[in-house]
Amino acid sequence: MRDLDDTDLEILELLLEDARRPYKEIADHVGLTPPAVSDRIARLEEQGIIQGFTIDVDRERLRGDVPVLVELEAKPDAVDDVYAAAAELPGVDTIAEGMDGRVVVHATLPDATARSWLESELDLETLTGYNVTLLARSDRAVGLSADGFSLECVVCDKQITGDGVTRTVGGEVKTFCCSSCEARYVDEYETRQQALE
């Protein structure tokens, strides 16, 4: 396994701007051949850094809905239920849970009141309150920098800074800082698999 280098980060940046960008165009930007770009992208997928190529739909332009930011103050025993129900609300772009249990939803509100929209999926009794903010604008930051972007060992959480080990275990690609962490993980995995048999 190699560390991510500036070329990897540049390829990721280009894919964030346009996930459908042809390999030839990426190759021209980064000074590689299209097959070399393909190999790097395949490696980034194997390492789990790239987990899929998606589209970014601007719901506001699509239907003319109103963009909102909603903060849901869930009762302590209902945070998971509120999070799951909020994810099912129509027009949700992103959802997040704060360390305080507050659920924050960025969405485009269809032609409805905020209360009726929330009631379409949520039991309002699970909330202690909620705030709805109409947004004047919002943008998604897609830039990358090498600072703070590194892989961590799945065993010891150590940052992988030099040579590391990548191995497929149980159908999933795992990264390790060293061969001893790899061996420890594989031994534990095999022990658990034998216990299940």
N, C-alpha and C. Protein backbone atom coordinates (compact mmCIF):
# COMPACT_ATOMS: atom_id res chain seq x y z
N MET A 1 0.83 -1.18 0.00
CA MET A 1 0.00 0.00 0.00
C MET A 1 0.88 1.25 0.00
N ARG A 2 0.51 2.23 -0.78
CA ARG A 2 1.25 3.49 -0.81
C ARG A 2 0.47 4.56 -0.08
N ASP A 3 1.18 5.56 0.44
CA ASP A 3 0.51 6.74 1.00
C ASP A 3 -0.19 7.48 -0.13
N LEU A 4 -1.19 8.26 0.23
CA LEU A 4 -1.80 9.14 -0.76
C LEU A 4 -0.80 10.25 -1.07
N ASP A 5 -0.63 10.52 -2.35
CA ASP A 5 0.29 11.59 -2.73
C ASP A 5 -0.52 12.74 -3.34
N ASP A 6 0.18 13.78 -3.77
CA ASP A 6 -0.49 14.95 -4.33
C ASP A 6 -1.30 14.59 -5.56
N THR A 7 -0.83 13.63 -6.35
CA THR A 7 -1.56 13.22 -7.55
C THR A 7 -2.88 12.56 -7.17
N ASP A 8 -2.85 11.69 -6.14
CA ASP A 8 -4.09 11.08 -5.66
C ASP A 8 -5.09 12.15 -5.23
N LEU A 9 -4.61 13.13 -4.46
CA LEU A 9 -5.49 14.19 -3.98
C LEU A 9 -6.04 15.03 -5.13
N GLU A 10 -5.21 15.25 -6.15
CA GLU A 10 -5.67 16.01 -7.31
C GLU A 10 -6.73 15.23 -8.08
N ILE A 11 -6.55 13.91 -8.19
CA ILE A 11 -7.55 13.07 -8.85
C ILE A 11 -8.86 13.12 -8.07
N LEU A 12 -8.77 13.01 -6.74
CA LEU A 12 -9.98 13.09 -5.92
C LEU A 12 -10.68 14.43 -6.08
N GLU A 13 -9.91 15.50 -6.11
CA GLU A 13 -10.47 16.84 -6.29
C GLU A 13 -11.22 16.94 -7.62
N LEU A 14 -10.61 16.41 -8.68
CA LEU A 14 -11.25 16.45 -10.00
C LEU A 14 -12.53 15.62 -10.02
N LEU A 15 -12.52 14.47 -9.34
CA LEU A 15 -13.72 13.64 -9.29
C LEU A 15 -14.81 14.27 -8.44
N LEU A 16 -14.42 15.01 -7.39
CA LEU A 16 -15.42 15.71 -6.59
C LEU A 16 -16.12 16.79 -7.40
N GLU A 17 -15.37 17.44 -8.30
CA GLU A 17 -15.96 18.47 -9.15
C GLU A 17 -16.91 17.85 -10.18
N ASP A 18 -16.51 16.69 -10.72
CA ASP A 18 -17.32 16.02 -11.74
C ASP A 18 -16.97 14.54 -11.74
N ALA A 19 -17.83 13.73 -11.11
CA ALA A 19 -17.55 12.30 -10.98
C ALA A 19 -17.61 11.57 -12.32
N ARG A 20 -18.15 12.22 -13.35
CA ARG A 20 -18.24 11.59 -14.68
C ARG A 20 -17.11 12.02 -15.60
N ARG A 21 -16.14 12.72 -15.05
CA ARG A 21 -15.01 13.22 -15.84
C ARG A 21 -14.26 12.03 -16.46
N PRO A 22 -13.99 12.05 -17.76
CA PRO A 22 -13.28 10.95 -18.41
C PRO A 22 -11.85 10.81 -17.89
N TYR A 23 -11.35 9.57 -17.86
CA TYR A 23 -9.99 9.31 -17.40
C TYR A 23 -8.97 10.08 -18.23
N LYS A 24 -9.22 10.24 -19.51
CA LYS A 24 -8.28 10.98 -20.38
C LYS A 24 -8.16 12.43 -19.91
N GLU A 25 -9.30 13.04 -19.57
CA GLU A 25 -9.27 14.43 -19.10
C GLU A 25 -8.53 14.54 -17.76
N ILE A 26 -8.77 13.58 -16.87
CA ILE A 26 -8.06 13.57 -15.59
C ILE A 26 -6.56 13.38 -15.84
N ALA A 27 -6.23 12.46 -16.73
CA ALA A 27 -4.83 12.18 -17.05
C ALA A 27 -4.13 13.44 -17.57
N ASP A 28 -4.80 14.20 -18.43
CA ASP A 28 -4.22 15.44 -18.94
C ASP A 28 -3.95 16.43 -17.81
N HIS A 29 -4.85 16.50 -16.83
CA HIS A 29 -4.67 17.43 -15.70
C HIS A 29 -3.52 17.04 -14.79
N VAL A 30 -3.34 15.73 -14.57
CA VAL A 30 -2.36 15.30 -13.56
C VAL A 30 -1.06 14.79 -14.16
N GLY A 31 -0.97 14.73 -15.49
CA GLY A 31 0.27 14.32 -16.13
C GLY A 31 0.52 12.83 -16.13
N LEU A 32 -0.54 12.04 -16.16
CA LEU A 32 -0.42 10.58 -16.24
C LEU A 32 -1.12 10.08 -17.49
N THR A 33 -1.02 8.79 -17.73
CA THR A 33 -1.78 8.19 -18.82
C THR A 33 -3.15 7.77 -18.29
N PRO A 34 -4.15 7.64 -19.16
CA PRO A 34 -5.47 7.18 -18.70
C PRO A 34 -5.43 5.84 -17.96
N PRO A 35 -4.63 4.83 -18.41
CA PRO A 35 -4.58 3.59 -17.63
C PRO A 35 -4.00 3.79 -16.22
N ALA A 36 -3.02 4.69 -16.09
CA ALA A 36 -2.45 4.96 -14.77
C ALA A 36 -3.49 5.62 -13.86
N VAL A 37 -4.30 6.50 -14.42
CA VAL A 37 -5.38 7.13 -13.66
C VAL A 37 -6.39 6.07 -13.24
N SER A 38 -6.73 5.19 -14.16
CA SER A 38 -7.67 4.10 -13.85
C SER A 38 -7.15 3.24 -12.70
N ASP A 39 -5.86 2.91 -12.73
CA ASP A 39 -5.25 2.11 -11.66
C ASP A 39 -5.32 2.83 -10.32
N ARG A 40 -5.04 4.12 -10.34
CA ARG A 40 -5.08 4.88 -9.08
C ARG A 40 -6.50 4.95 -8.53
N ILE A 41 -7.47 5.16 -9.39
CA ILE A 41 -8.87 5.23 -8.94
C ILE A 41 -9.31 3.87 -8.41
N ALA A 42 -8.91 2.80 -9.07
CA ALA A 42 -9.24 1.45 -8.58
C ALA A 42 -8.63 1.22 -7.21
N ARG A 43 -7.39 1.67 -6.99
CA ARG A 43 -6.73 1.51 -5.69
C ARG A 43 -7.45 2.32 -4.62
N LEU A 44 -7.89 3.54 -4.96
CA LEU A 44 -8.62 4.38 -4.01
C LEU A 44 -9.96 3.74 -3.64
N GLU A 45 -10.57 3.06 -4.61
CA GLU A 45 -11.82 2.33 -4.32
C GLU A 45 -11.54 1.13 -3.42
N GLU A 46 -10.48 0.38 -3.71
CA GLU A 46 -10.13 -0.79 -2.90
C GLU A 46 -9.83 -0.40 -1.46
N GLN A 47 -9.23 0.76 -1.25
CA GLN A 47 -8.90 1.23 0.09
C GLN A 47 -10.11 1.82 0.80
N GLY A 48 -11.22 1.96 0.09
CA GLY A 48 -12.42 2.51 0.71
C GLY A 48 -12.46 4.02 0.76
N ILE A 49 -11.49 4.68 0.12
CA ILE A 49 -11.48 6.15 0.10
C ILE A 49 -12.57 6.66 -0.83
N ILE A 50 -12.70 6.03 -1.99
CA ILE A 50 -13.82 6.31 -2.90
C ILE A 50 -14.83 5.20 -2.67
N GLN A 51 -16.05 5.59 -2.30
CA GLN A 51 -17.06 4.59 -1.98
C GLN A 51 -18.21 4.61 -2.98
N GLY A 52 -18.11 5.39 -3.99
CA GLY A 52 -19.16 5.41 -5.00
C GLY A 52 -19.10 6.73 -5.75
N PHE A 53 -19.69 6.74 -6.89
CA PHE A 53 -19.78 7.95 -7.70
C PHE A 53 -21.24 8.35 -7.71
N THR A 54 -21.53 9.57 -7.25
CA THR A 54 -22.91 9.99 -7.09
C THR A 54 -23.20 11.25 -7.90
N ILE A 55 -24.46 11.62 -7.89
CA ILE A 55 -24.84 12.89 -8.50
C ILE A 55 -25.29 13.82 -7.38
N ASP A 56 -25.20 15.09 -7.62
CA ASP A 56 -25.62 16.11 -6.66
C ASP A 56 -26.78 16.86 -7.28
N VAL A 57 -27.99 16.57 -6.80
CA VAL A 57 -29.19 17.17 -7.37
C VAL A 57 -29.51 18.45 -6.62
N ASP A 58 -29.69 19.55 -7.33
CA ASP A 58 -30.12 20.81 -6.73
C ASP A 58 -31.64 20.79 -6.72
N ARG A 59 -32.22 20.34 -5.61
CA ARG A 59 -33.68 20.19 -5.52
C ARG A 59 -34.39 21.53 -5.68
N GLU A 60 -33.73 22.60 -5.26
CA GLU A 60 -34.32 23.92 -5.37
C GLU A 60 -34.62 24.26 -6.82
N ARG A 61 -33.70 23.96 -7.71
CA ARG A 61 -33.91 24.24 -9.13
C ARG A 61 -34.86 23.24 -9.78
N LEU A 62 -34.82 22.03 -9.24
CA LEU A 62 -35.64 20.98 -9.82
C LEU A 62 -37.12 21.25 -9.63
N ARG A 63 -37.52 21.62 -8.41
CA ARG A 63 -38.95 21.81 -8.15
C ARG A 63 -39.29 23.19 -7.62
N GLY A 64 -38.32 24.03 -7.38
CA GLY A 64 -38.60 25.34 -6.83
C GLY A 64 -38.95 25.31 -5.35
N ASP A 65 -38.50 24.30 -4.62
CA ASP A 65 -38.79 24.19 -3.20
C ASP A 65 -37.96 25.19 -2.40
N VAL A 66 -38.30 25.33 -1.13
CA VAL A 66 -37.64 26.28 -0.26
C VAL A 66 -36.55 25.56 0.55
N PRO A 67 -35.29 26.01 0.47
CA PRO A 67 -34.23 25.36 1.24
C PRO A 67 -34.32 25.75 2.73
N VAL A 68 -34.19 24.75 3.60
CA VAL A 68 -34.28 24.99 5.03
C VAL A 68 -33.20 24.22 5.78
N LEU A 69 -32.89 24.70 6.97
CA LEU A 69 -32.04 23.99 7.91
C LEU A 69 -32.90 23.78 9.15
N VAL A 70 -33.11 22.53 9.54
CA VAL A 70 -33.99 22.21 10.65
C VAL A 70 -33.18 21.56 11.76
N GLU A 71 -33.32 22.09 12.97
CA GLU A 71 -32.68 21.51 14.14
C GLU A 71 -33.77 20.85 14.98
N LEU A 72 -33.63 19.54 15.16
CA LEU A 72 -34.61 18.77 15.92
C LEU A 72 -34.01 18.43 17.28
N GLU A 73 -34.66 18.88 18.35
CA GLU A 73 -34.19 18.59 19.70
C GLU A 73 -34.94 17.35 20.18
N ALA A 74 -34.29 16.20 20.05
CA ALA A 74 -34.92 14.93 20.40
C ALA A 74 -34.84 14.68 21.89
N LYS A 75 -35.87 13.99 22.42
CA LYS A 75 -35.79 13.52 23.80
C LYS A 75 -34.65 12.51 23.87
N PRO A 76 -33.94 12.45 25.00
CA PRO A 76 -32.74 11.59 25.08
C PRO A 76 -32.95 10.14 24.66
N ASP A 77 -34.10 9.57 24.96
CA ASP A 77 -34.33 8.16 24.61
C ASP A 77 -34.87 7.98 23.19
N ALA A 78 -35.00 9.08 22.46
CA ALA A 78 -35.60 8.99 21.12
C ALA A 78 -34.68 9.46 20.00
N VAL A 79 -33.41 9.71 20.30
CA VAL A 79 -32.50 10.28 19.30
C VAL A 79 -32.40 9.38 18.05
N ASP A 80 -32.22 8.08 18.26
CA ASP A 80 -32.10 7.16 17.12
C ASP A 80 -33.36 7.14 16.28
N ASP A 81 -34.52 7.14 16.93
CA ASP A 81 -35.80 7.13 16.20
C ASP A 81 -36.01 8.42 15.43
N VAL A 82 -35.66 9.55 16.05
CA VAL A 82 -35.80 10.84 15.38
C VAL A 82 -34.87 10.91 14.18
N TYR A 83 -33.64 10.46 14.34
CA TYR A 83 -32.67 10.46 13.24
C TYR A 83 -33.19 9.62 12.07
N ALA A 84 -33.66 8.41 12.37
CA ALA A 84 -34.15 7.52 11.32
C ALA A 84 -35.38 8.11 10.63
N ALA A 85 -36.30 8.68 11.40
CA ALA A 85 -37.52 9.26 10.81
C ALA A 85 -37.20 10.49 9.98
N ALA A 86 -36.28 11.33 10.47
CA ALA A 86 -35.92 12.55 9.75
C ALA A 86 -35.28 12.22 8.40
N ALA A 87 -34.54 11.10 8.35
CA ALA A 87 -33.91 10.69 7.08
C ALA A 87 -34.95 10.33 6.03
N GLU A 88 -36.17 10.00 6.46
CA GLU A 88 -37.24 9.63 5.54
C GLU A 88 -38.08 10.82 5.08
N LEU A 89 -37.84 11.99 5.64
CA LEU A 89 -38.61 13.17 5.23
C LEU A 89 -38.36 13.49 3.76
N PRO A 90 -39.38 13.90 3.02
CA PRO A 90 -39.16 14.24 1.61
C PRO A 90 -38.27 15.47 1.46
N GLY A 91 -37.36 15.43 0.50
CA GLY A 91 -36.51 16.57 0.19
C GLY A 91 -35.26 16.70 1.02
N VAL A 92 -34.93 15.67 1.84
CA VAL A 92 -33.73 15.76 2.68
C VAL A 92 -32.48 15.62 1.82
N ASP A 93 -31.56 16.57 1.99
CA ASP A 93 -30.26 16.51 1.31
C ASP A 93 -29.22 15.87 2.20
N THR A 94 -29.10 16.35 3.43
CA THR A 94 -28.14 15.80 4.38
C THR A 94 -28.77 15.78 5.77
N ILE A 95 -28.26 14.88 6.59
CA ILE A 95 -28.72 14.77 7.98
C ILE A 95 -27.51 14.48 8.84
N ALA A 96 -27.49 15.03 10.05
CA ALA A 96 -26.36 14.84 10.96
C ALA A 96 -26.87 14.82 12.39
N GLU A 97 -26.11 14.13 13.25
CA GLU A 97 -26.42 14.12 14.68
C GLU A 97 -25.27 14.77 15.42
N GLY A 98 -25.59 15.75 16.24
CA GLY A 98 -24.58 16.40 17.05
C GLY A 98 -24.26 15.59 18.29
N MET A 99 -23.15 15.91 18.92
CA MET A 99 -22.75 15.21 20.14
C MET A 99 -23.77 15.40 21.25
N ASP A 100 -24.58 16.45 21.17
CA ASP A 100 -25.60 16.70 22.18
C ASP A 100 -26.92 15.99 21.88
N GLY A 101 -26.95 15.18 20.81
CA GLY A 101 -28.17 14.45 20.45
C GLY A 101 -29.11 15.23 19.55
N ARG A 102 -28.73 16.45 19.22
CA ARG A 102 -29.56 17.26 18.32
C ARG A 102 -29.40 16.72 16.90
N VAL A 103 -30.50 16.62 16.18
CA VAL A 103 -30.48 16.14 14.80
C VAL A 103 -30.66 17.35 13.88
N VAL A 104 -29.73 17.53 12.95
CA VAL A 104 -29.76 18.67 12.04
C VAL A 104 -30.02 18.16 10.63
N VAL A 105 -31.01 18.77 9.98
CA VAL A 105 -31.43 18.34 8.65
C VAL A 105 -31.34 19.52 7.69
N HIS A 106 -30.67 19.29 6.57
CA HIS A 106 -30.67 20.27 5.48
C HIS A 106 -31.58 19.69 4.41
N ALA A 107 -32.62 20.44 4.04
CA ALA A 107 -33.61 19.90 3.10
C ALA A 107 -34.19 21.01 2.26
N THR A 108 -34.92 20.61 1.24
CA THR A 108 -35.74 21.55 0.50
C THR A 108 -37.18 21.22 0.84
N LEU A 109 -37.85 22.18 1.43
CA LEU A 109 -39.20 21.98 1.93
C LEU A 109 -40.20 22.04 0.78
N PRO A 110 -40.96 20.96 0.60
CA PRO A 110 -41.98 21.00 -0.44
C PRO A 110 -43.09 21.98 -0.06
N ASP A 111 -44.04 22.13 -0.91
CA ASP A 111 -45.14 23.07 -0.70
C ASP A 111 -45.99 22.60 0.49
N ALA A 112 -45.51 22.90 1.71
CA ALA A 112 -46.21 22.51 2.93
C ALA A 112 -45.67 23.36 4.07
N THR A 113 -46.38 23.39 5.18
CA THR A 113 -45.85 24.08 6.35
C THR A 113 -44.77 23.19 6.96
N ALA A 114 -43.86 23.80 7.69
CA ALA A 114 -42.79 23.02 8.31
C ALA A 114 -43.37 21.96 9.25
N ARG A 115 -44.40 22.31 10.00
CA ARG A 115 -44.99 21.36 10.96
C ARG A 115 -45.60 20.17 10.23
N SER A 116 -46.37 20.41 9.17
CA SER A 116 -47.00 19.27 8.46
C SER A 116 -45.93 18.42 7.76
N TRP A 117 -44.87 19.08 7.30
CA TRP A 117 -43.76 18.34 6.67
C TRP A 117 -43.10 17.42 7.69
N LEU A 118 -42.83 17.95 8.89
CA LEU A 118 -42.22 17.13 9.94
C LEU A 118 -43.15 16.00 10.37
N GLU A 119 -44.43 16.30 10.51
CA GLU A 119 -45.40 15.28 10.94
C GLU A 119 -45.59 14.17 9.93
N SER A 120 -45.16 14.39 8.69
CA SER A 120 -45.32 13.34 7.67
C SER A 120 -44.50 12.10 8.00
N GLU A 121 -43.41 12.25 8.77
CA GLU A 121 -42.56 11.11 9.13
C GLU A 121 -42.25 11.03 10.63
N LEU A 122 -42.33 12.17 11.33
CA LEU A 122 -41.91 12.23 12.73
C LEU A 122 -43.10 12.28 13.68
N ASP A 123 -42.95 11.63 14.82
CA ASP A 123 -43.88 11.79 15.93
C ASP A 123 -43.34 12.96 16.74
N LEU A 124 -44.03 14.10 16.70
CA LEU A 124 -43.53 15.30 17.37
C LEU A 124 -43.43 15.13 18.88
N GLU A 125 -44.06 14.11 19.44
CA GLU A 125 -43.95 13.82 20.87
C GLU A 125 -42.55 13.36 21.24
N THR A 126 -41.75 12.93 20.24
CA THR A 126 -40.38 12.49 20.52
C THR A 126 -39.41 13.67 20.58
N LEU A 127 -39.94 14.89 20.37
CA LEU A 127 -39.10 16.09 20.37
C LEU A 127 -39.40 16.96 21.59
N THR A 128 -38.37 17.68 22.04
CA THR A 128 -38.60 18.71 23.04
C THR A 128 -38.74 20.07 22.36
N GLY A 129 -38.39 20.12 21.08
CA GLY A 129 -38.53 21.34 20.31
C GLY A 129 -37.85 21.21 18.96
N TYR A 130 -38.08 22.20 18.10
CA TYR A 130 -37.41 22.23 16.81
C TYR A 130 -37.34 23.67 16.31
N ASN A 131 -36.33 23.94 15.49
CA ASN A 131 -36.14 25.25 14.88
C ASN A 131 -36.00 25.07 13.38
N VAL A 132 -36.66 25.92 12.61
CA VAL A 132 -36.57 25.88 11.15
C VAL A 132 -36.01 27.22 10.68
N THR A 133 -34.92 27.17 9.92
CA THR A 133 -34.32 28.37 9.37
C THR A 133 -34.42 28.32 7.85
N LEU A 134 -35.04 29.35 7.26
CA LEU A 134 -35.07 29.45 5.80
C LEU A 134 -33.69 29.90 5.35
N LEU A 135 -33.14 29.23 4.37
CA LEU A 135 -31.79 29.54 3.92
C LEU A 135 -31.80 30.48 2.72
N ALA A 136 -30.94 31.47 2.77
CA ALA A 136 -30.77 32.37 1.63
C ALA A 136 -29.89 31.71 0.58
N ARG A 137 -28.93 30.90 1.05
CA ARG A 137 -28.07 30.14 0.14
C ARG A 137 -27.31 29.10 0.94
N SER A 138 -26.84 28.10 0.23
CA SER A 138 -25.98 27.09 0.84
C SER A 138 -25.14 26.48 -0.26
N ASP A 139 -23.93 26.12 0.09
CA ASP A 139 -23.02 25.50 -0.85
C ASP A 139 -22.37 24.31 -0.16
N ARG A 140 -21.96 23.37 -0.95
CA ARG A 140 -21.24 22.21 -0.43
C ARG A 140 -19.77 22.39 -0.76
N ALA A 141 -18.93 22.37 0.27
CA ALA A 141 -17.48 22.49 0.05
C ALA A 141 -16.95 21.13 -0.37
N VAL A 142 -16.26 21.09 -1.52
CA VAL A 142 -15.78 19.82 -2.03
C VAL A 142 -14.26 19.74 -2.13
N GLY A 143 -13.58 20.73 -1.61
CA GLY A 143 -12.12 20.74 -1.74
C GLY A 143 -11.45 19.74 -0.81
N LEU A 144 -10.27 19.36 -1.18
CA LEU A 144 -9.44 18.46 -0.38
C LEU A 144 -8.07 19.08 -0.20
N SER A 145 -7.45 18.75 0.92
CA SER A 145 -6.04 19.10 1.08
C SER A 145 -5.36 17.92 1.75
N ALA A 146 -4.08 17.85 1.62
CA ALA A 146 -3.34 16.74 2.20
C ALA A 146 -3.32 16.82 3.73
N ASP A 147 -3.52 18.01 4.29
CA ASP A 147 -3.52 18.16 5.74
C ASP A 147 -4.67 17.39 6.35
N GLY A 148 -4.34 16.53 7.29
CA GLY A 148 -5.37 15.81 8.02
C GLY A 148 -6.03 14.70 7.23
N PHE A 149 -5.53 14.35 6.06
CA PHE A 149 -6.13 13.31 5.26
C PHE A 149 -5.17 12.13 5.23
N SER A 150 -5.49 11.14 6.02
CA SER A 150 -4.64 9.97 6.04
C SER A 150 -5.46 8.75 6.44
N LEU A 151 -4.93 7.59 6.13
CA LEU A 151 -5.58 6.35 6.52
C LEU A 151 -5.15 5.99 7.93
N GLU A 152 -6.03 5.27 8.65
CA GLU A 152 -5.71 4.81 9.99
C GLU A 152 -5.78 3.30 10.02
N CYS A 153 -4.96 2.70 10.83
CA CYS A 153 -4.93 1.25 11.02
C CYS A 153 -6.24 0.84 11.69
N VAL A 154 -6.88 -0.22 11.19
CA VAL A 154 -8.15 -0.67 11.75
C VAL A 154 -7.97 -1.37 13.09
N VAL A 155 -6.75 -1.69 13.47
CA VAL A 155 -6.49 -2.36 14.75
C VAL A 155 -6.14 -1.35 15.84
N CYS A 156 -5.13 -0.52 15.58
CA CYS A 156 -4.62 0.37 16.63
C CYS A 156 -4.95 1.85 16.41
N ASP A 157 -5.65 2.17 15.31
CA ASP A 157 -6.02 3.55 14.96
C ASP A 157 -4.82 4.46 14.70
N LYS A 158 -3.65 3.89 14.56
CA LYS A 158 -2.45 4.66 14.27
C LYS A 158 -2.52 5.18 12.83
N GLN A 159 -2.08 6.41 12.64
CA GLN A 159 -2.04 6.98 11.29
C GLN A 159 -1.00 6.23 10.47
N ILE A 160 -1.37 5.84 9.27
CA ILE A 160 -0.45 5.12 8.39
C ILE A 160 0.37 6.16 7.63
N THR A 161 1.65 6.25 7.98
CA THR A 161 2.49 7.29 7.40
C THR A 161 3.53 6.77 6.43
N GLY A 162 3.84 5.53 6.48
CA GLY A 162 4.84 4.97 5.58
C GLY A 162 4.26 3.77 4.88
N ASP A 163 5.05 2.71 4.86
CA ASP A 163 4.54 1.48 4.28
C ASP A 163 3.46 0.95 5.18
N GLY A 164 2.36 0.57 4.59
CA GLY A 164 1.26 -0.04 5.31
C GLY A 164 0.88 -1.33 4.61
N VAL A 165 -0.14 -1.97 5.10
CA VAL A 165 -0.59 -3.23 4.54
C VAL A 165 -2.08 -3.12 4.23
N THR A 166 -2.45 -3.55 3.05
CA THR A 166 -3.86 -3.61 2.67
C THR A 166 -4.19 -5.06 2.42
N ARG A 167 -5.32 -5.52 2.98
CA ARG A 167 -5.70 -6.92 2.80
C ARG A 167 -7.22 -7.02 2.81
N THR A 168 -7.75 -7.92 1.98
CA THR A 168 -9.18 -8.18 1.97
C THR A 168 -9.47 -9.27 3.00
N VAL A 169 -10.34 -8.93 3.95
CA VAL A 169 -10.72 -9.87 5.01
C VAL A 169 -12.25 -9.93 5.06
N GLY A 170 -12.78 -11.12 4.85
CA GLY A 170 -14.24 -11.26 4.88
C GLY A 170 -14.94 -10.44 3.82
N GLY A 171 -14.27 -10.25 2.68
CA GLY A 171 -14.87 -9.50 1.58
C GLY A 171 -14.73 -7.99 1.69
N GLU A 172 -14.07 -7.49 2.73
CA GLU A 172 -13.88 -6.05 2.90
C GLU A 172 -12.38 -5.73 2.91
N VAL A 173 -12.03 -4.60 2.29
CA VAL A 173 -10.63 -4.18 2.26
C VAL A 173 -10.31 -3.47 3.57
N LYS A 174 -9.27 -3.92 4.24
CA LYS A 174 -8.83 -3.34 5.51
C LYS A 174 -7.41 -2.82 5.35
N THR A 175 -7.08 -1.74 6.08
CA THR A 175 -5.73 -1.19 6.04
C THR A 175 -5.10 -1.30 7.43
N PHE A 176 -3.83 -1.65 7.45
CA PHE A 176 -3.09 -1.85 8.69
C PHE A 176 -1.78 -1.07 8.63
N CYS A 177 -1.29 -0.66 9.79
CA CYS A 177 -0.04 0.09 9.83
C CYS A 177 1.17 -0.83 9.68
N CYS A 178 0.98 -2.11 10.06
CA CYS A 178 2.12 -3.04 10.02
C CYS A 178 1.60 -4.47 9.90
N SER A 179 2.51 -5.39 9.63
CA SER A 179 2.11 -6.79 9.46
C SER A 179 1.66 -7.43 10.77
N SER A 180 2.14 -6.95 11.92
CA SER A 180 1.69 -7.53 13.18
C SER A 180 0.24 -7.16 13.47
N CYS A 181 -0.18 -5.94 13.14
CA CYS A 181 -1.59 -5.56 13.29
C CYS A 181 -2.45 -6.37 12.33
N GLU A 182 -1.93 -6.57 11.12
CA GLU A 182 -2.66 -7.39 10.14
C GLU A 182 -2.86 -8.80 10.69
N ALA A 183 -1.80 -9.41 11.20
CA ALA A 183 -1.88 -10.78 11.73
C ALA A 183 -2.84 -10.85 12.91
N ARG A 184 -2.79 -9.86 13.79
CA ARG A 184 -3.69 -9.82 14.94
C ARG A 184 -5.15 -9.76 14.51
N TYR A 185 -5.44 -8.90 13.52
CA TYR A 185 -6.80 -8.75 13.02
C TYR A 185 -7.29 -10.05 12.36
N VAL A 186 -6.45 -10.62 11.52
CA VAL A 186 -6.83 -11.84 10.81
C VAL A 186 -7.06 -12.98 11.79
N ASP A 187 -6.18 -13.11 12.80
CA ASP A 187 -6.36 -14.16 13.81
C ASP A 187 -7.68 -14.00 14.54
N GLU A 188 -7.98 -12.77 14.95
CA GLU A 188 -9.24 -12.51 15.66
C GLU A 188 -10.44 -12.78 14.76
N TYR A 189 -10.34 -12.37 13.51
CA TYR A 189 -11.43 -12.61 12.56
C TYR A 189 -11.68 -14.11 12.38
N GLU A 190 -10.60 -14.85 12.18
CA GLU A 190 -10.73 -16.31 11.97
C GLU A 190 -11.28 -17.00 13.22
N THR A 191 -10.87 -16.54 14.40
CA THR A 191 -11.39 -17.11 15.65
C THR A 191 -12.90 -16.88 15.76
N ARG A 192 -13.33 -15.69 15.41
CA ARG A 192 -14.78 -15.37 15.46
C ARG A 192 -15.55 -16.19 14.43
N GLN A 193 -14.97 -16.35 13.26
CA GLN A 193 -15.64 -17.15 12.21
C GLN A 193 -15.79 -18.60 12.66
N GLN A 194 -14.75 -19.16 13.29
CA GLN A 194 -14.82 -20.54 13.77
C GLN A 194 -15.85 -20.68 14.87
N ALA A 195 -16.01 -19.67 15.71
CA ALA A 195 -17.00 -19.71 16.79
C ALA A 195 -18.43 -19.70 16.24
N LEU A 196 -18.61 -19.07 15.08
CA LEU A 196 -19.94 -19.02 14.46
C LEU A 196 -20.32 -20.32 13.77
N GLU A 197 -19.33 -21.16 13.47
CA GLU A 197 -19.60 -22.41 12.74
C GLU A 197 -20.11 -23.49 13.63
